[in-house]
Amino acid sequence: GGAYWQAREDGSGVDLARCLFEALPDVEFVATIEEKHLEPFLALSKTWELSKRTAPITIVPQDMPNAQWAQDDGRSGTANGAVVTLTPRYASRGDETSSWTPGEMRALESFAATGRKVARSPLLFQGGNAIVVRDPKRGGERVLLLGEAEVYRNTSLGLTQAQAIEAFRVEFGVQRVLVLPAVAYHIDYEVSPRVVNGELVCFVADGAAAAVEVLRATVDVLEREKKLDEAMARS
């Protein structure tokens, strides 16, 4: 859009763009925006702290709205030394169903029109449900973590489960595919892989621990603002 949902630091798509543009001045950005939002967005961006930027920002207007879930519409990698974005058979939303999202398809066309390399896969997938990692304990073996919904999307197109998994292995250029059960929606909601001290570690969401931290932060604020006394806060 062309404005914050509420105000600066509200976590909206526009505010996310601001944070990225300000925090990463040497990183080039390409973004799409619906045409009707372009002028308000450009006006708002003049209030941002972009004077330290050394890399360009390219804003591509398009005639359809697009959502902020860019990762679902493609996964970037390298082929023959060039960065290539692998896109699905068509951009979609939903888990049990695969509803076509034309705005995201138009965004991919816009992205390609800026000179970026885009390759369309014959497979149907949502990128947030496909994460490639390297396993340092297996010589850097490339492994695709794949949410089970992506297998089912492609069996509905006529492949067997084994064929779908093998097709993903080939398309993503990995040695192995590990299919994960659906916990919430996409596996990028649940798993954040990192290499720590030569070992692959997957951070996962812990709802109970998060609830404690939220309560602790809230109580600290209430005590500081004199809404709770010290004894009640400690309790």
Protein backbone atom coordinates (compact mmCIF):
# COMPACT_ATOMS: atom_id res chain seq x y z
CA GLY A 1 0.00 0.00 0.00
CA GLY A 2 0.86 3.67 0.15
CA ALA A 3 0.51 4.24 3.88
CA TYR A 4 1.02 2.63 7.27
CA TRP A 5 -1.89 0.66 8.72
CA GLN A 6 -1.81 2.94 11.77
CA ALA A 7 1.53 4.69 12.21
CA ARG A 8 5.29 4.27 11.87
CA GLU A 9 6.54 1.01 13.49
CA ASP A 10 3.12 -0.66 13.19
CA GLY A 11 4.60 -3.70 11.44
CA SER A 12 2.73 -3.14 8.18
CA GLY A 13 4.11 -4.05 4.78
CA VAL A 14 5.08 -0.42 4.17
CA ASP A 15 6.82 -0.21 7.55
CA LEU A 16 8.65 -3.46 6.83
CA ALA A 17 9.95 -1.89 3.61
CA ARG A 18 11.08 1.18 5.57
CA CYS A 19 12.97 -0.94 8.09
CA LEU A 20 14.74 -2.90 5.36
CA PHE A 21 15.62 0.19 3.30
CA GLU A 22 17.05 1.98 6.34
CA ALA A 23 18.85 -0.97 7.93
CA LEU A 24 20.49 -2.33 4.77
CA PRO A 25 21.81 0.68 2.84
CA ASP A 26 24.19 -1.36 0.68
CA VAL A 27 21.59 -3.93 -0.44
CA GLU A 28 19.70 -3.44 -3.69
CA PHE A 29 15.91 -3.78 -3.48
CA VAL A 30 13.24 -4.44 -6.09
CA ALA A 31 9.61 -4.05 -5.00
CA THR A 32 6.26 -4.09 -6.75
CA ILE A 33 3.34 -1.89 -5.80
CA GLU A 34 -0.17 -1.40 -7.11
CA GLU A 35 -0.25 1.70 -9.34
CA LYS A 36 -2.83 3.59 -7.25
CA HIS A 37 -0.51 3.44 -4.22
CA LEU A 38 2.64 4.64 -5.99
CA GLU A 39 2.39 8.41 -5.44
CA PRO A 40 1.38 8.17 -1.73
CA PHE A 41 4.19 5.65 -1.18
CA LEU A 42 6.80 7.90 -2.81
CA ALA A 43 5.62 10.84 -0.71
CA LEU A 44 5.82 8.78 2.48
CA SER A 45 9.27 7.41 1.61
CA LYS A 46 10.64 10.98 1.56
CA THR A 47 10.23 11.00 5.36
CA TRP A 48 12.50 7.97 5.76
CA GLU A 49 16.19 8.02 6.66
CA LEU A 50 17.64 6.98 3.29
CA SER A 51 20.54 9.42 2.96
CA LYS A 52 23.10 6.69 3.74
CA ARG A 53 21.90 4.38 0.99
CA THR A 54 24.51 3.41 -1.61
CA ALA A 55 22.48 0.75 -3.45
CA PRO A 56 19.43 1.48 -5.60
CA ILE A 57 15.77 0.84 -4.83
CA THR A 58 13.57 -0.07 -7.80
CA ILE A 59 9.81 0.31 -7.37
CA VAL A 60 7.76 -1.36 -10.12
CA PRO A 61 4.08 -0.33 -10.35
CA GLN A 62 1.54 -2.90 -11.54
CA ASP A 63 -2.18 -2.94 -12.27
CA MET A 64 -3.08 -5.58 -9.67
CA PRO A 65 -2.70 -5.71 -5.88
CA ASN A 66 -0.03 -7.97 -4.44
CA ALA A 67 0.37 -9.34 -0.95
CA GLN A 68 3.48 -9.14 1.23
CA TRP A 69 4.17 -12.89 1.24
CA ALA A 70 6.85 -12.65 -1.45
CA GLN A 71 8.69 -15.77 -0.31
CA ASP A 72 5.65 -17.94 -1.14
CA ASP A 73 5.85 -17.02 -4.82
CA GLY A 74 9.43 -18.05 -5.49
CA ARG A 75 12.72 -19.28 -4.04
CA SER A 76 16.01 -17.80 -5.13
CA GLY A 77 19.13 -19.79 -5.86
CA THR A 78 22.00 -19.91 -8.33
CA ALA A 79 22.39 -21.58 -11.71
CA ASN A 80 25.58 -21.29 -13.76
CA GLY A 81 26.78 -18.56 -11.43
CA ALA A 82 23.69 -16.37 -11.84
CA VAL A 83 20.96 -15.69 -9.29
CA VAL A 84 17.69 -17.23 -10.47
CA THR A 85 14.27 -17.12 -8.82
CA LEU A 86 12.43 -20.42 -9.17
CA THR A 87 8.71 -19.78 -9.30
CA PRO A 88 5.86 -22.28 -8.99
CA ARG A 89 3.56 -23.46 -11.75
CA TYR A 90 1.32 -20.61 -10.59
CA ALA A 91 1.26 -18.43 -7.49
CA SER A 92 -1.32 -19.62 -4.98
CA ARG A 93 -2.69 -19.28 -1.47
CA GLY A 94 -4.25 -21.83 0.84
CA ASP A 95 -3.27 -25.18 2.23
CA GLU A 96 -6.11 -27.60 1.57
CA THR A 97 -6.72 -25.78 -1.74
CA SER A 98 -4.41 -23.88 -4.10
CA SER A 99 -6.21 -20.66 -4.99
CA TRP A 100 -4.59 -18.77 -7.84
CA THR A 101 -3.35 -15.26 -6.95
CA PRO A 102 -3.03 -13.23 -10.17
CA GLY A 103 -1.42 -10.22 -8.46
CA GLU A 104 1.56 -12.32 -7.39
CA MET A 105 1.93 -13.71 -10.90
CA ARG A 106 1.97 -10.14 -12.26
CA ALA A 107 4.60 -9.23 -9.65
CA LEU A 108 6.82 -12.05 -10.89
CA GLU A 109 6.43 -10.76 -14.44
CA SER A 110 7.38 -7.28 -13.23
CA PHE A 111 10.39 -8.69 -11.40
CA ALA A 112 11.56 -10.44 -14.57
CA ALA A 113 11.02 -7.23 -16.57
CA THR A 114 13.70 -5.50 -14.46
CA GLY A 115 16.26 -7.91 -15.91
CA ARG A 116 16.24 -10.49 -13.13
CA LYS A 117 16.32 -14.16 -14.07
CA VAL A 118 13.08 -16.01 -13.34
CA ALA A 119 12.42 -19.68 -14.11
CA ARG A 120 8.97 -21.21 -13.81
CA SER A 121 8.76 -24.74 -12.42
CA PRO A 122 6.17 -27.23 -13.66
CA LEU A 123 5.57 -28.05 -9.98
CA LEU A 124 3.00 -26.34 -7.79
CA PHE A 125 4.45 -25.11 -4.50
CA GLN A 126 4.40 -22.27 -1.99
CA GLY A 127 7.91 -21.14 -1.16
CA GLY A 128 7.32 -20.75 2.57
CA ASN A 129 6.85 -24.50 2.68
CA ALA A 130 10.19 -25.28 1.03
CA ILE A 131 13.51 -24.52 2.72
CA VAL A 132 16.90 -25.68 1.42
CA VAL A 133 19.62 -26.24 4.04
CA ARG A 134 23.16 -27.59 3.98
CA ASP A 135 24.03 -30.34 6.46
CA PRO A 136 27.63 -29.74 7.62
CA LYS A 137 27.84 -33.23 9.13
CA ARG A 138 27.20 -34.74 5.70
CA GLY A 139 29.80 -32.77 3.81
CA GLY A 140 27.51 -29.83 3.11
CA GLU A 141 24.80 -32.03 1.60
CA ARG A 142 21.88 -29.96 0.33
CA VAL A 143 18.58 -31.02 1.90
CA LEU A 144 15.13 -29.72 1.01
CA LEU A 145 12.79 -29.39 3.99
CA LEU A 146 9.36 -29.72 2.39
CA GLY A 147 5.95 -29.33 3.98
CA GLU A 148 3.69 -32.28 3.22
CA ALA A 149 1.05 -30.04 1.62
CA GLU A 150 3.42 -29.42 -1.30
CA VAL A 151 3.57 -33.15 -2.00
CA TYR A 152 -0.23 -33.38 -1.97
CA ARG A 153 -0.58 -30.37 -4.29
CA ASN A 154 1.34 -32.25 -6.93
CA THR A 155 -0.28 -35.64 -6.42
CA SER A 156 -3.53 -33.83 -7.22
CA LEU A 157 -1.91 -32.95 -10.55
CA GLY A 158 -1.38 -36.64 -11.30
CA LEU A 159 2.00 -37.53 -9.77
CA THR A 160 2.52 -40.26 -7.18
CA GLN A 161 4.02 -39.19 -3.87
CA ALA A 162 7.38 -40.71 -4.82
CA GLN A 163 7.32 -38.92 -8.18
CA ALA A 164 6.44 -35.59 -6.57
CA ILE A 165 9.25 -35.89 -4.03
CA GLU A 166 11.78 -36.85 -6.71
CA ALA A 167 10.62 -33.94 -8.89
CA PHE A 168 11.19 -31.53 -6.00
CA ARG A 169 14.65 -33.03 -5.44
CA VAL A 170 15.57 -32.34 -9.05
CA GLU A 171 13.96 -28.89 -9.30
CA PHE A 172 15.64 -27.59 -6.12
CA GLY A 173 19.01 -29.18 -6.90
CA VAL A 174 19.29 -31.11 -3.63
CA GLN A 175 20.56 -34.54 -2.67
CA ARG A 176 17.74 -35.34 -0.28
CA VAL A 177 14.16 -34.29 0.49
CA LEU A 178 12.82 -34.42 4.04
CA VAL A 179 9.03 -34.17 4.12
CA LEU A 180 7.73 -32.53 7.31
CA PRO A 181 4.19 -32.94 8.68
CA ALA A 182 1.90 -29.92 8.77
CA VAL A 183 2.06 -28.33 12.21
CA ALA A 184 0.44 -24.95 11.59
CA TYR A 185 0.62 -23.76 7.99
CA HIS A 186 4.03 -23.37 6.34
CA ILE A 187 7.22 -24.79 7.77
CA ASP A 188 8.82 -21.33 7.77
CA TYR A 189 6.33 -20.53 10.55
CA GLU A 190 7.73 -23.41 12.57
CA VAL A 191 11.39 -23.93 11.66
CA SER A 192 14.36 -21.57 11.28
CA PRO A 193 17.51 -23.56 10.40
CA ARG A 194 21.01 -22.33 11.25
CA VAL A 195 24.49 -23.84 11.33
CA VAL A 196 25.87 -23.52 14.86
CA ASN A 197 29.36 -24.80 15.69
CA GLY A 198 29.41 -27.07 12.67
CA GLU A 199 26.00 -28.56 13.37
CA LEU A 200 22.62 -27.95 11.79
CA VAL A 201 20.23 -26.54 14.40
CA CYS A 202 16.55 -25.83 13.82
CA PHE A 203 14.95 -23.19 16.01
CA VAL A 204 11.26 -23.91 16.59
CA ALA A 205 8.37 -21.92 18.01
CA ASP A 206 7.72 -22.51 21.72
CA GLY A 207 4.29 -21.11 22.57
CA ALA A 208 4.58 -21.59 26.33
CA ALA A 209 7.97 -19.88 26.56
CA ALA A 210 6.73 -17.05 24.33
CA ALA A 211 3.68 -16.51 26.58
CA VAL A 212 5.95 -16.17 29.62
CA GLU A 213 8.16 -13.62 27.85
CA VAL A 214 5.14 -11.60 26.69
CA LEU A 215 3.74 -11.55 30.22
CA ARG A 216 7.11 -10.57 31.69
CA ALA A 217 7.48 -7.65 29.27
CA THR A 218 3.90 -6.54 29.91
CA VAL A 219 4.24 -6.65 33.69
CA ASP A 220 7.48 -4.64 33.49
CA VAL A 221 5.67 -1.88 31.61
CA LEU A 222 2.68 -1.92 34.00
CA GLU A 223 5.00 -1.66 36.99
CA ARG A 224 7.02 1.15 35.44
CA GLU A 225 3.82 3.08 34.69
CA LYS A 226 2.63 2.56 38.30
CA LYS A 227 -0.34 0.41 37.24
CA LEU A 228 0.99 -2.44 39.41
CA ASP A 229 2.90 -2.21 42.66
CA GLU A 230 6.14 -4.15 43.14
CA ALA A 231 4.57 -6.98 45.14
CA MET A 232 1.78 -7.54 42.62
CA ALA A 233 4.22 -7.42 39.72
CA ARG A 234 6.47 -10.01 41.38
CA SER A 235 3.43 -12.22 42.09
